[in-house]
PDB file of N, CA and C in Angstrom:
ATOM      1  N   MET A   1     -10.187  31.986  25.246  1.00  0.00           N
ATOM      2  CA  MET A   1     -11.332  31.928  24.305  1.00  0.00           C
ATOM      3  C   MET A   1     -11.310  30.725  23.867  1.00  0.00           C
ATOM      4  N   PRO A   2     -12.739  30.094  23.710  1.00  0.00           N
ATOM      5  CA  PRO A   2     -13.242  28.850  23.453  1.00  0.00           C
ATOM      6  C   PRO A   2     -12.348  28.693  22.116  1.00  0.00           C
ATOM      7  N   PRO A   3     -12.498  27.241  21.661  1.00  0.00           N
ATOM      8  CA  PRO A   3     -12.108  27.107  20.441  1.00  0.00           C
ATOM      9  C   PRO A   3     -12.931  27.764  19.305  1.00  0.00           C
ATOM     10  N   THR A   4     -14.273  27.282  19.543  1.00  0.00           N
ATOM     11  CA  THR A   4     -14.981  27.878  18.615  1.00  0.00           C
ATOM     12  C   THR A   4     -15.114  29.468  18.361  1.00  0.00           C
ATOM     13  N   LEU A   5     -15.210  30.235  19.397  1.00  0.00           N
ATOM     14  CA  LEU A   5     -14.968  31.726  19.079  1.00  0.00           C
ATOM     15  C   LEU A   5     -13.637  32.279  18.354  1.00  0.00           C
ATOM     16  N   ARG A   6     -12.640  31.408  18.889  1.00  0.00           N
ATOM     17  CA  ARG A   6     -11.211  31.789  18.399  1.00  0.00           C
ATOM     18  C   ARG A   6     -11.434  31.623  16.892  1.00  0.00           C
ATOM     19  N   LEU A   7     -12.084  30.156  16.478  1.00  0.00           N
ATOM     20  CA  LEU A   7     -12.073  29.802  14.986  1.00  0.00           C
ATOM     21  C   LEU A   7     -12.820  30.909  14.105  1.00  0.00           C
ATOM     22  N   ARG A   8     -13.975  31.346  14.870  1.00  0.00           N
ATOM     23  CA  ARG A   8     -14.936  32.464  14.226  1.00  0.00           C
ATOM     24  C   ARG A   8     -13.910  34.065  14.120  1.00  0.00           C
ATOM     25  N   ALA A   9     -13.136  34.089  15.214  1.00  0.00           N
ATOM     26  CA  ALA A   9     -12.563  35.463  14.895  1.00  0.00           C
ATOM     27  C   ALA A   9     -11.379  35.399  13.832  1.00  0.00           C
ATOM     28  N   ILE A  10     -10.938  34.171  13.890  1.00  0.00           N
ATOM     29  CA  ILE A  10      -9.848  33.985  13.032  1.00  0.00           C
ATOM     30  C   ILE A  10     -10.501  34.180  11.337  1.00  0.00           C
ATOM     31  N   GLU A  11     -11.724  33.770  11.143  1.00  0.00           N
ATOM     32  CA  GLU A  11     -12.509  33.823  10.095  1.00  0.00           C
ATOM     33  C   GLU A  11     -12.857  35.280   9.586  1.00  0.00           C
ATOM     34  N   ARG A  12     -13.023  35.892  10.755  1.00  0.00           N
ATOM     35  CA  ARG A  12     -13.570  37.332  10.507  1.00  0.00           C
ATOM     36  C   ARG A  12     -12.297  38.262  10.456  1.00  0.00           C
ATOM     37  N   GLY A  13     -11.074  37.434  10.743  1.00  0.00           N
ATOM     38  CA  GLY A  13      -9.813  38.330  10.505  1.00  0.00           C
ATOM     39  C   GLY A  13      -9.704  39.556  11.836  1.00  0.00           C
ATOM     40  N   VAL A  14     -10.308  39.294  13.035  1.00  0.00           N
ATOM     41  CA  VAL A  14     -10.231  40.087  13.980  1.00  0.00           C
ATOM     42  C   VAL A  14      -9.183  39.164  15.165  1.00  0.00           C
ATOM     43  N   ALA A  15      -9.066  38.266  14.921  1.00  0.00           N
ATOM     44  CA  ALA A  15      -7.943  37.545  15.842  1.00  0.00           C
ATOM     45  C   ALA A  15      -6.551  38.150  15.745  1.00  0.00           C
ATOM     46  N   SER A  16      -5.923  38.225  16.638  1.00  0.00           N
ATOM     47  CA  SER A  16      -4.312  38.414  16.941  1.00  0.00           C
ATOM     48  C   SER A  16      -3.461  37.290  16.343  1.00  0.00           C
ATOM     49  N   VAL A  17      -2.267  37.470  15.856  1.00  0.00           N
ATOM     50  CA  VAL A  17      -1.336  36.681  15.488  1.00  0.00           C
ATOM     51  C   VAL A  17      -1.135  35.580  16.385  1.00  0.00           C
ATOM     52  N   ALA A  18      -0.988  35.861  17.638  1.00  0.00           N
ATOM     53  CA  ALA A  18      -1.168  34.995  18.792  1.00  0.00           C
ATOM     54  C   ALA A  18      -2.209  34.056  18.812  1.00  0.00           C
ATOM     55  N   GLU A  19      -3.336  34.456  18.940  1.00  0.00           N
ATOM     56  CA  GLU A  19      -4.407  34.065  18.829  1.00  0.00           C
ATOM     57  C   GLU A  19      -4.907  33.234  17.434  1.00  0.00           C
ATOM     58  N   ARG A  20      -4.388  33.255  16.804  1.00  0.00           N
ATOM     59  CA  ARG A  20      -4.536  32.546  15.512  1.00  0.00           C
ATOM     60  C   ARG A  20      -3.592  31.153  15.789  1.00  0.00           C
ATOM     61  N   PHE A  21      -2.604  31.323  16.295  1.00  0.00           N
ATOM     62  CA  PHE A  21      -1.826  30.080  16.226  1.00  0.00           C
ATOM     63  C   PHE A  21      -1.958  29.239  17.664  1.00  0.00           C
ATOM     64  N   THR A  22      -2.840  29.779  18.891  1.00  0.00           N
ATOM     65  CA  THR A  22      -2.835  29.042  20.002  1.00  0.00           C
ATOM     66  C   THR A  22      -3.844  28.113  19.967  1.00  0.00           C
ATOM     67  N   GLY A  23      -3.213  26.934  20.293  1.00  0.00           N
ATOM     68  CA  GLY A  23      -4.156  25.747  20.485  1.00  0.00           C
ATOM     69  C   GLY A  23      -4.172  24.703  19.268  1.00  0.00           C
ATOM     70  N   PHE A  24      -3.235  24.999  18.316  1.00  0.00           N
ATOM     71  CA  PHE A  24      -3.148  24.300  17.192  1.00  0.00           C
ATOM     72  C   PHE A  24      -2.091  23.522  17.217  1.00  0.00           C
ATOM     73  N   GLU A  25      -2.547  22.259  17.173  1.00  0.00           N
ATOM     74  CA  GLU A  25      -1.097  21.169  17.362  1.00  0.00           C
ATOM     75  C   GLU A  25      -0.873  21.091  16.119  1.00  0.00           C
ATOM     76  N   ALA A  26       0.765  20.517  16.194  1.00  0.00           N
ATOM     77  CA  ALA A  26       1.406  20.472  14.695  1.00  0.00           C
ATOM     78  C   ALA A  26       1.114  18.924  14.530  1.00  0.00           C
ATOM     79  N   LEU A  27       1.039  18.728  13.173  1.00  0.00           N
ATOM     80  CA  LEU A  27       0.828  17.448  12.597  1.00  0.00           C
ATOM     81  C   LEU A  27       2.271  16.438  13.367  1.00  0.00           C
ATOM     82  N   PRO A  28       1.972  15.079  13.310  1.00  0.00           N
ATOM     83  CA  PRO A  28       3.065  14.483  13.569  1.00  0.00           C
ATOM     84  C   PRO A  28       4.253  14.316  12.687  1.00  0.00           C
ATOM     85  N   ALA A  29       5.229  14.190  12.951  1.00  0.00           N
ATOM     86  CA  ALA A  29       6.498  14.125  11.875  1.00  0.00           C
ATOM     87  C   ALA A  29       6.270  12.839  10.788  1.00  0.00           C
ATOM     88  N   PRO A  30       6.340  12.890   9.554  1.00  0.00           N
ATOM     89  CA  PRO A  30       6.490  11.747   8.697  1.00  0.00           C
ATOM     90  C   PRO A  30       7.369  10.260   9.556  1.00  0.00           C
ATOM     91  N   CYS A  31       7.171   9.275   9.211  1.00  0.00           N
ATOM     92  CA  CYS A  31       8.034   8.380   9.944  1.00  0.00           C
ATOM     93  C   CYS A  31       9.357   8.394   9.022  1.00  0.00           C
ATOM     94  N   SER A  32      10.174   8.563   9.507  1.00  0.00           N
ATOM     95  CA  SER A  32      11.891   8.915   8.939  1.00  0.00           C
ATOM     96  C   SER A  32      12.409   7.325   8.581  1.00  0.00           C
ATOM     97  N   THR A  33      11.880   6.458   9.223  1.00  0.00           N
ATOM     98  CA  THR A  33      12.257   4.991   9.159  1.00  0.00           C
ATOM     99  C   THR A  33      12.176   4.404   7.627  1.00  0.00           C
ATOM    100  N   PRO A  34      13.199   4.195   7.117  1.00  0.00           N
ATOM    101  CA  PRO A  34      12.839   3.606   5.632  1.00  0.00           C
ATOM    102  C   PRO A  34      12.000   2.471   5.445  1.00  0.00           C
ATOM    103  N   TRP A  35      10.971   2.128   4.049  1.00  0.00           N
ATOM    104  CA  TRP A  35       9.730   1.259   4.180  1.00  0.00           C
ATOM    105  C   TRP A  35      10.533  -0.204   4.458  1.00  0.00           C
ATOM    106  N   TRP A  36      11.862  -0.264   3.877  1.00  0.00           N
ATOM    107  CA  TRP A  36      12.251  -1.941   3.973  1.00  0.00           C
ATOM    108  C   TRP A  36      12.809  -2.274   5.280  1.00  0.00           C
ATOM    109  N   GLN A  37      13.163  -1.220   6.460  1.00  0.00           N
ATOM    110  CA  GLN A  37      13.501  -1.603   7.801  1.00  0.00           C
ATOM    111  C   GLN A  37      12.097  -1.713   8.186  1.00  0.00           C
ATOM    112  N   ILE A  38      11.139  -1.014   7.990  1.00  0.00           N
ATOM    113  CA  ILE A  38       9.896  -1.480   8.717  1.00  0.00           C
ATOM    114  C   ILE A  38       9.188  -2.860   8.453  1.00  0.00           C
ATOM    115  N   LEU A  39       9.531  -3.128   7.358  1.00  0.00           N
ATOM    116  CA  LEU A  39       8.893  -4.453   6.483  1.00  0.00           C
ATOM    117  C   LEU A  39       9.856  -5.491   6.535  1.00  0.00           C
ATOM    118  N   GLN A  40      11.072  -5.240   7.345  1.00  0.00           N
ATOM    119  CA  GLN A  40      12.313  -6.069   7.545  1.00  0.00           C
ATOM    120  C   GLN A  40      12.441  -6.835   6.190  1.00  0.00           C
ATOM    121  N   VAL A  41      12.983  -6.050   4.769  1.00  0.00           N
ATOM    122  CA  VAL A  41      13.453  -6.840   4.150  1.00  0.00           C
ATOM    123  C   VAL A  41      14.467  -6.160   3.507  1.00  0.00           C
ATOM    124  N   ARG A  42      15.167  -6.596   2.383  1.00  0.00           N
ATOM    125  CA  ARG A  42      16.108  -5.973   1.708  1.00  0.00           C
ATOM    126  C   ARG A  42      15.405  -4.513   0.710  1.00  0.00           C
ATOM    127  N   PRO A  43      16.393  -3.630   0.508  1.00  0.00           N
ATOM    128  CA  PRO A  43      15.797  -2.621  -0.200  1.00  0.00           C
ATOM    129  C   PRO A  43      15.216  -2.614  -1.493  1.00  0.00           C
ATOM    130  N   HIS A  44      15.885  -3.762  -2.528  1.00  0.00           N
ATOM    131  CA  HIS A  44      15.578  -4.207  -3.380  1.00  0.00           C
ATOM    132  C   HIS A  44      15.045  -5.483  -3.633  1.00  0.00           C
ATOM    133  N   ALA A  45      14.531  -5.934  -2.429  1.00  0.00           N
ATOM    134  CA  ALA A  45      13.143  -7.077  -2.502  1.00  0.00           C
ATOM    135  C   ALA A  45      12.385  -6.935  -3.630  1.00  0.00           C
ATOM    136  N   PRO A  46      11.928  -8.550  -4.213  1.00  0.00           N
ATOM    137  CA  PRO A  46      10.878  -8.217  -5.061  1.00  0.00           C
ATOM    138  C   PRO A  46       9.671  -8.108  -3.763  1.00  0.00           C
ATOM    139  N   TRP A  47       8.410  -7.782  -4.975  1.00  0.00           N
ATOM    140  CA  TRP A  47       7.363  -7.495  -4.216  1.00  0.00           C
ATOM    141  C   TRP A  47       6.741  -8.796  -3.675  1.00  0.00           C
ATOM    142  N   PRO A  48       6.755 -10.083  -4.127  1.00  0.00           N
ATOM    143  CA  PRO A  48       6.141 -11.369  -3.335  1.00  0.00           C
ATOM    144  C   PRO A  48       6.982 -10.993  -1.835  1.00  0.00           C
ATOM    145  N   ALA A  49       8.181 -10.846  -1.711  1.00  0.00           N
ATOM    146  CA  ALA A  49       8.761 -10.984  -0.368  1.00  0.00           C
ATOM    147  C   ALA A  49       8.302  -9.616   0.606  1.00  0.00           C
ATOM    148  N   VAL A  50       8.023  -8.254  -0.309  1.00  0.00           N
ATOM    149  CA  VAL A  50       7.768  -7.285   0.381  1.00  0.00           C
ATOM    150  C   VAL A  50       6.256  -7.730   1.206  1.00  0.00           C
ATOM    151  N   GLU A  51       5.341  -8.261   0.169  1.00  0.00           N
ATOM    152  CA  GLU A  51       4.127  -8.483   0.612  1.00  0.00           C
ATOM    153  C   GLU A  51       3.976  -9.746   1.706  1.00  0.00           C
ATOM    154  N   ALA A  52       4.648 -10.623   1.461  1.00  0.00           N
ATOM    155  CA  ALA A  52       4.998 -11.814   2.528  1.00  0.00           C
ATOM    156  C   ALA A  52       5.465 -11.217   3.829  1.00  0.00           C
ATOM    157  N   SER A  53       6.202 -10.456   3.747  1.00  0.00           N
ATOM    158  CA  SER A  53       6.569  -9.600   5.087  1.00  0.00           C
ATOM    159  C   SER A  53       5.612  -8.813   5.593  1.00  0.00           C
ATOM    160  N   PHE A  54       4.897  -8.161   5.057  1.00  0.00           N
ATOM    161  CA  PHE A  54       3.774  -7.130   5.155  1.00  0.00           C
ATOM    162  C   PHE A  54       2.604  -8.282   5.928  1.00  0.00           C
ATOM    163  N   ARG A  55       2.457  -9.215   5.141  1.00  0.00           N
ATOM    164  CA  ARG A  55       1.176 -10.061   5.833  1.00  0.00           C
ATOM    165  C   ARG A  55       1.661 -10.597   7.137  1.00  0.00           C
ATOM    166  N   LYS A  56       2.934 -11.092   7.569  1.00  0.00           N
ATOM    167  CA  LYS A  56       3.388 -11.745   8.583  1.00  0.00           C
ATOM    168  C   LYS A  56       3.496 -10.783   9.914  1.00  0.00           C
ATOM    169  N   LEU A  57       4.164  -9.435   9.639  1.00  0.00           N
ATOM    170  CA  LEU A  57       4.427  -8.409  10.570  1.00  0.00           C
ATOM    171  C   LEU A  57       2.937  -7.501  11.101  1.00  0.00           C
ATOM    172  N   ALA A  58       1.971  -7.676   9.665  1.00  0.00           N
ATOM    173  CA  ALA A  58       0.649  -6.965  10.213  1.00  0.00           C
ATOM    174  C   ALA A  58      -0.222  -8.251  11.128  1.00  0.00           C
ATOM    175  N   SER A  59      -0.023  -9.505  10.765  1.00  0.00           N
ATOM    176  CA  SER A  59      -0.691 -10.307  11.873  1.00  0.00           C
ATOM    177  C   SER A  59      -0.263  -9.943  12.987  1.00  0.00           C
ATOM    178  N   GLU A  60       1.189  -9.953  13.341  1.00  0.00           N
ATOM    179  CA  GLU A  60       1.633  -9.762  14.536  1.00  0.00           C
ATOM    180  C   GLU A  60       1.309  -8.661  15.426  1.00  0.00           C
ATOM    181  N   ARG A  61       1.201  -7.393  14.611  1.00  0.00           N
ATOM    182  CA  ARG A  61       1.068  -5.937  15.242  1.00  0.00           C
ATOM    183  C   ARG A  61      -0.505  -5.591  15.143  1.00  0.00           C
ATOM    184  N   GLN A  62      -1.424  -6.602  14.908  1.00  0.00           N
ATOM    185  CA  GLN A  62      -2.604  -5.851  14.992  1.00  0.00           C
ATOM    186  C   GLN A  62      -2.960  -5.582  16.645  1.00  0.00           C
ATOM    187  N   PRO A  63      -3.594  -4.444  16.784  1.00  0.00           N
ATOM    188  CA  PRO A  63      -4.014  -3.980  18.092  1.00  0.00           C
ATOM    189  C   PRO A  63      -4.799  -5.117  18.867  1.00  0.00           C
ATOM    190  N   ASP A  64      -5.295  -5.893  18.187  1.00  0.00           N
ATOM    191  CA  ASP A  64      -5.958  -6.876  19.124  1.00  0.00           C
ATOM    192  C   ASP A  64      -4.749  -7.987  19.669  1.00  0.00           C
ATOM    193  N   ARG A  65      -3.622  -8.199  19.181  1.00  0.00           N
ATOM    194  CA  ARG A  65      -2.494  -8.648  19.379  1.00  0.00           C
ATOM    195  C   ARG A  65      -1.398  -8.376  20.255  1.00  0.00           C
ATOM    196  N   GLY A  66      -1.613  -7.250  20.717  1.00  0.00           N
ATOM    197  CA  GLY A  66      -0.553  -6.740  21.452  1.00  0.00           C
ATOM    198  C   GLY A  66       0.197  -5.533  20.725  1.00  0.00           C
ATOM    199  N   GLY A  67       0.032  -5.461  19.337  1.00  0.00           N
ATOM    200  CA  GLY A  67       0.472  -4.248  18.532  1.00  0.00           C
ATOM    201  C   GLY A  67      -0.417  -2.799  18.772  1.00  0.00           C
ATOM    202  N   SER A  68      -0.041  -1.857  17.896  1.00  0.00           N
ATOM    203  CA  SER A  68      -0.814  -0.664  18.368  1.00  0.00           C
ATOM    204  C   SER A  68      -1.179  -0.477  16.914  1.00  0.00           C
ATOM    205  N   GLU A  69      -2.084   0.874  17.124  1.00  0.00           N
ATOM    206  CA  GLU A  69      -2.781   1.220  15.874  1.00  0.00           C
ATOM    207  C   GLU A  69      -1.601   2.165  14.796  1.00  0.00           C
ATOM    208  N   ALA A  70      -0.688   2.546  15.799  1.00  0.00           N
ATOM    209  CA  ALA A  70       0.139   3.271  15.008  1.00  0.00           C
ATOM    210  C   ALA A  70       1.596   2.456  14.287  1.00  0.00           C
ATOM    211  N   MET A  71       1.626   1.259  14.895  1.00  0.00           N
ATOM    212  CA  MET A  71       2.440   0.252  14.329  1.00  0.00           C
ATOM    213  C   MET A  71       1.830  -0.324  13.017  1.00  0.00           C
ATOM    214  N   THR A  72       0.291  -0.441  12.944  1.00  0.00           N
ATOM    215  CA  THR A  72      -0.421  -0.829  11.514  1.00  0.00           C
ATOM    216  C   THR A  72       0.109   0.040  10.695  1.00  0.00           C
ATOM    217  N   ALA A  73      -0.236   1.390  11.396  1.00  0.00           N
ATOM    218  CA  ALA A  73      -0.196   2.570  10.314  1.00  0.00           C
ATOM    219  C   ALA A  73       1.059   2.602   9.654  1.00  0.00           C
ATOM    220  N   ASP A  74       2.140   2.558  10.427  1.00  0.00           N
ATOM    221  CA  ASP A  74       3.514   2.366   9.836  1.00  0.00           C
ATOM    222  C   ASP A  74       4.039   1.354   8.940  1.00  0.00           C
ATOM    223  N   LEU A  75       3.320   0.138   8.909  1.00  0.00           N
ATOM    224  CA  LEU A  75       3.302  -0.920   8.451  1.00  0.00           C
ATOM    225  C   LEU A  75       2.584  -0.438   7.162  1.00  0.00           C
ATOM    226  N   ASN A  76       1.405  -0.101   6.863  1.00  0.00           N
ATOM    227  CA  ASN A  76       0.690   0.472   5.818  1.00  0.00           C
ATOM    228  C   ASN A  76       1.420   1.590   4.937  1.00  0.00           C
ATOM    229  N   ARG A  77       1.681   2.463   5.570  1.00  0.00           N
ATOM    230  CA  ARG A  77       2.843   3.437   5.294  1.00  0.00           C
ATOM    231  C   ARG A  77       3.590   2.810   4.251  1.00  0.00           C
ATOM    232  N   ALA A  78       4.510   2.045   5.146  1.00  0.00           N
ATOM    233  CA  ALA A  78       5.618   1.465   4.316  1.00  0.00           C
ATOM    234  C   ALA A  78       5.309   0.295   3.245  1.00  0.00           C
ATOM    235  N   ARG A  79       4.212  -0.543   3.205  1.00  0.00           N
ATOM    236  CA  ARG A  79       3.641  -0.960   2.067  1.00  0.00           C
ATOM    237  C   ARG A  79       3.426  -0.151   0.702  1.00  0.00           C
ATOM    238  N   ARG A  80       2.735   0.961   1.070  1.00  0.00           N
ATOM    239  CA  ARG A  80       2.502   1.911  -0.132  1.00  0.00           C
ATOM    240  C   ARG A  80       3.947   2.492  -0.529  1.00  0.00           C
ATOM    241  N   SER A  81       4.622   2.444   0.118  1.00  0.00           N
ATOM    242  CA  SER A  81       5.819   3.300  -0.226  1.00  0.00           C
ATOM    243  C   SER A  81       6.681   2.257  -1.225  1.00  0.00           C
ATOM    244  N   ALA A  82       6.547   0.923  -0.871  1.00  0.00           N
ATOM    245  CA  ALA A  82       7.098  -0.046  -1.321  1.00  0.00           C
ATOM    246  C   ALA A  82       6.613  -0.296  -2.824  1.00  0.00           C
ATOM    247  N   ALA A  83       5.300  -0.077  -2.525  1.00  0.00           N
ATOM    248  CA  ALA A  83       4.370  -0.076  -4.189  1.00  0.00           C
ATOM    249  C   ALA A  83       4.761   0.923  -4.948  1.00  0.00           C
ATOM    250  N   GLY A  84       5.011   1.985  -4.536  1.00  0.00           N
ATOM    251  CA  GLY A  84       5.053   2.968  -5.459  1.00  0.00           C
ATOM    252  C   GLY A  84       6.661   3.186  -5.854  1.00  0.00           C
ATOM    253  N   LYS A  85       7.463   2.093  -5.550  1.00  0.00           N
ATOM    254  CA  LYS A  85       8.873   2.249  -5.881  1.00  0.00           C
ATOM    255  C   LYS A  85       8.713   1.269  -7.078  1.00  0.00           C
ATOM    256  N   GLY A  86       7.877   0.550  -7.826  1.00  0.00           N
ATOM    257  CA  GLY A  86       7.792  -0.177  -8.971  1.00  0.00           C
ATOM    258  C   GLY A  86       8.220  -1.658  -8.433  1.00  0.00           C
ATOM    259  N   ARG A  87       8.019  -1.941  -7.459  1.00  0.00           N
ATOM    260  CA  ARG A  87       8.201  -3.278  -6.907  1.00  0.00           C
ATOM    261  C   ARG A  87       6.741  -4.064  -7.167  1.00  0.00           C
ATOM    262  N   ARG A  88       5.835  -3.422  -7.063  1.00  0.00           N
ATOM    263  CA  ARG A  88       4.146  -4.188  -7.447  1.00  0.00           C
ATOM    264  C   ARG A  88       4.241  -4.729  -8.782  1.00  0.00           C
ATOM    265  N   PRO A  89       3.621  -5.668  -8.918  1.00  0.00           N
ATOM    266  CA  PRO A  89       3.863  -6.289 -10.397  1.00  0.00           C
ATOM    267  C   PRO A  89       2.507  -5.703 -10.975  1.00  0.00           C
ATOM    268  N   MET A  90       2.486  -5.061 -12.133  1.00  0.00           N
ATOM    269  CA  MET A  90       1.475  -4.356 -12.837  1.00  0.00           C
ATOM    270  C   MET A  90       0.363  -5.311 -13.068  1.00  0.00           C
ATOM    271  N   ILE A  91      -0.575  -5.102 -13.287  1.00  0.00           N
ATOM    272  CA  ILE A  91      -1.808  -5.616 -13.275  1.00  0.00           C
ATOM    273  C   ILE A  91      -1.906  -6.233 -14.983  1.00  0.00           C
ATOM    274  N   ALA A  92      -1.457  -5.216 -15.739  1.00  0.00           N
ATOM    275  CA  ALA A  92      -1.354  -5.403 -17.159  1.00  0.00           C
ATOM    276  C   ALA A  92      -0.613  -6.567 -17.751  1.00  0.00           C
ATOM    277  N   ALA A  93       0.806  -6.198 -17.172  1.00  0.00           N
ATOM    278  CA  ALA A  93       1.752  -7.635 -17.231  1.00  0.00           C
ATOM    279  C   ALA A  93       1.000  -8.785 -16.833  1.00  0.00           C
ATOM    280  N   GLY A  94       0.462  -9.038 -15.636  1.00  0.00           N
ATOM    281  CA  GLY A  94      -0.002  -9.967 -15.393  1.00  0.00           C
ATOM    282  C   GLY A  94      -1.319 -10.697 -16.163  1.00  0.00           C
ATOM    283  N   LEU A  95      -2.076  -9.492 -16.765  1.00  0.00           N
ATOM    284  CA  LEU A  95      -3.227 -10.182 -17.567  1.00  0.00           C
ATOM    285  C   LEU A  95      -2.800 -10.469 -18.796  1.00  0.00           C
ATOM    286  N   ALA A  96      -1.424  -9.848 -19.610  1.00  0.00           N
ATOM    287  CA  ALA A  96      -0.831 -10.432 -20.833  1.00  0.00           C
ATOM    288  C   ALA A  96      -0.406 -11.739 -20.486  1.00  0.00           C
ATOM    289  N   SER A  97       0.130 -12.317 -19.402  1.00  0.00           N
ATOM    290  CA  SER A  97       0.707 -13.479 -19.436  1.00  0.00           C
ATOM    291  C   SER A  97      -0.650 -14.399 -19.416  1.00  0.00           C
ATOM    292  N   VAL A  98      -1.480 -14.198 -18.495  1.00  0.00           N
ATOM    293  CA  VAL A  98      -2.848 -14.755 -18.462  1.00  0.00           C
ATOM    294  C   VAL A  98      -3.502 -14.985 -20.079  1.00  0.00           C
ATOM    295  N   LEU A  99      -3.506 -14.011 -20.648  1.00  0.00           N
ATOM    296  CA  LEU A  99      -3.874 -14.097 -21.836  1.00  0.00           C
ATOM    297  C   LEU A  99      -3.053 -14.930 -22.865  1.00  0.00           C
ATOM    298  N   ALA A 100      -1.928 -14.835 -22.663  1.00  0.00           N
ATOM    299  CA  ALA A 100      -1.023 -15.991 -23.631  1.00  0.00           C
ATOM    300  C   ALA A 100      -0.956 -17.002 -23.160  1.00  0.00           C
ATOM    301  N   LEU A 101      -0.983 -17.733 -21.971  1.00  0.00           N
ATOM    302  CA  LEU A 101      -0.968 -18.670 -21.585  1.00  0.00           C
ATOM    303  C   LEU A 101      -2.620 -19.147 -21.985  1.00  0.00           C
ATOM    304  N   ALA A 102      -3.894 -18.726 -22.224  1.00  0.00           N
ATOM    305  CA  ALA A 102      -4.700 -19.057 -22.470  1.00  0.00           C
ATOM    306  C   ALA A 102      -5.031 -19.286 -24.287  1.00  0.00           C
ATOM    307  N   VAL A 103      -4.099 -18.403 -24.731  1.00  0.00           N
ATOM    308  CA  VAL A 103      -3.826 -18.590 -26.437  1.00  0.00           C
ATOM    309  C   VAL A 103      -3.128 -20.181 -26.828  1.00  0.00           C
ATOM    310  N   THR A 104      -2.029 -20.224 -25.810  1.00  0.00           N
ATOM    311  CA  THR A 104      -1.358 -21.336 -25.898  1.00  0.00           C
ATOM    312  C   THR A 104      -2.164 -22.785 -25.757  1.00  0.00           C
ATOM    313  N   VAL A 105      -2.826 -22.716 -24.528  1.00  0.00           N
ATOM    314  CA  VAL A 105      -3.761 -23.985 -24.154  1.00  0.00           C
ATOM    315  C   VAL A 105      -4.798 -23.958 -25.444  1.00  0.00           C
ATOM    316  N   GLY A 106      -5.373 -22.985 -26.073  1.00  0.00           N
ATOM    317  CA  GLY A 106      -6.360 -22.876 -27.025  1.00  0.00           C
ATOM    318  C   GLY A 106      -5.930 -23.557 -28.230  1.00  0.00           C
ATOM    319  N   ALA A 107      -4.469 -23.015 -28.328  1.00  0.00           N
ATOM    320  CA  ALA A 107      -4.037 -23.698 -29.927  1.00  0.00           C
ATOM    321  C   ALA A 107      -3.511 -24.833 -29.752  1.00  0.00           C
ATOM    322  N   ALA A 108      -3.142 -25.412 -28.506  1.00  0.00           N
ATOM    323  CA  ALA A 108      -3.109 -26.980 -28.375  1.00  0.00           C
ATOM    324  C   ALA A 108      -4.058 -27.819 -28.500  1.00  0.00           C
ATOM    325  N   ALA A 109      -5.302 -27.082 -27.628  1.00  0.00           N
ATOM    326  CA  ALA A 109      -6.519 -27.910 -28.002  1.00  0.00           C
ATOM    327  C   ALA A 109      -7.003 -28.011 -29.455  1.00  0.00           C
ATOM    328  N   LEU A 110      -6.614 -27.040 -30.347  1.00  0.00           N
ATOM    329  CA  LEU A 110      -7.029 -27.237 -31.467  1.00  0.00           C
ATOM    330  C   LEU A 110      -6.094 -28.171 -32.370  1.00  0.00           C
ATOM    331  N   VAL A 111      -4.673 -28.338 -32.084  1.00  0.00           N
ATOM    332  CA  VAL A 111      -3.850 -29.361 -32.517  1.00  0.00           C
ATOM    333  C   VAL A 111      -4.343 -30.485 -31.899  1.00  0.00           C
ATOM    334  N   VAL A 112      -4.714 -30.887 -31.086  1.00  0.00           N
ATOM    335  CA  VAL A 112      -5.111 -32.318 -30.821  1.00  0.00           C
ATOM    336  C   VAL A 112      -6.436 -32.424 -31.068  1.00  0.00           C
ATOM    337  N   THR A 113      -7.331 -31.524 -31.526  1.00  0.00           N
ATOM    338  CA  THR A 113      -8.827 -32.166 -31.564  1.00  0.00           C
ATOM    339  C   THR A 113      -8.719 -32.269 -33.427  1.00  0.00           C
ATOM    340  N   ASP A 114      -7.741 -31.343 -34.083  1.00  0.00           N
ATOM    341  CA  ASP A 114      -7.272 -31.758 -35.460  1.00  0.00           C
ATOM    342  C   ASP A 114      -6.480 -32.904 -35.823  1.00  0.00           C
ATOM    343  N   SER A 115      -5.554 -33.609 -34.551  1.00  0.00           N
ATOM    344  CA  SER A 115      -5.069 -34.728 -34.947  1.00  0.00           C
ATOM    345  C   SER A 115      -5.946 -36.128 -34.913  1.00  0.00           C
ATOM    346  N   LEU A 116      -6.826 -35.868 -33.603  1.00  0.00           N
ATOM    347  CA  LEU A 116      -7.959 -36.966 -33.439  1.00  0.00           C
ATOM    348  C   LEU A 116      -8.843 -37.013 -34.672  1.00  0.00           C
ATOM    349  N   GLU A 117      -9.357 -35.978 -35.401  1.00  0.00           N
ATOM    350  CA  GLU A 117     -10.035 -36.176 -36.416  1.00  0.00           C
ATOM    351  C   GLU A 117      -9.399 -36.797 -37.783  1.00  0.00           C
ATOM    352  N   ASP A 118      -8.251 -36.435 -37.805  1.00  0.00           N
ATOM    353  CA  ASP A 118      -7.376 -37.038 -39.068  1.00  0.00           C
ATOM    354  C   ASP A 118      -7.161 -38.720 -38.807  1.00  0.00           C
ATOM    355  N   HIS A 119      -7.223 -39.067 -37.483  1.00  0.00           N
ATOM    356  CA  HIS A 119      -7.117 -40.467 -37.226  1.00  0.00           C
ATOM    357  C   HIS A 119      -8.364 -41.309 -37.481  1.00  0.00           C
ATOM    358  N   ARG A 120      -9.771 -40.387 -37.910  1.00  0.00           N
ATOM    359  CA  ARG A 120     -11.073 -41.232 -37.777  1.00  0.00           C
ATOM    360  C   ARG A 120     -10.988 -41.898 -39.155  1.00  0.00           C
TER     361      ARG A 120
END
């Protein structure tokens, strides 16, 4: 039976059990290799080390450089897994440090301005 007719039979509920499963492929098994082995880092590596390794390996394993799409997909999955483990720095924490630096620089500028006006 052609695939389109098989799907229509399944939709109508008239296909046998064998017809319902004939021709369907199983999804590939998820990668069983741990993310740190794929990215070639230690399991508790900090995010900058994970990111640096990802960039290096991604540039080496691009399909146009002799790698494959499967290699690139594995690298992307490993990077997402590493980011989900709390290694990726939080944007809010980064923003808070930038704001603290801006406040510190601003306060220092006010002190310098006040001391210059005192000497006039």
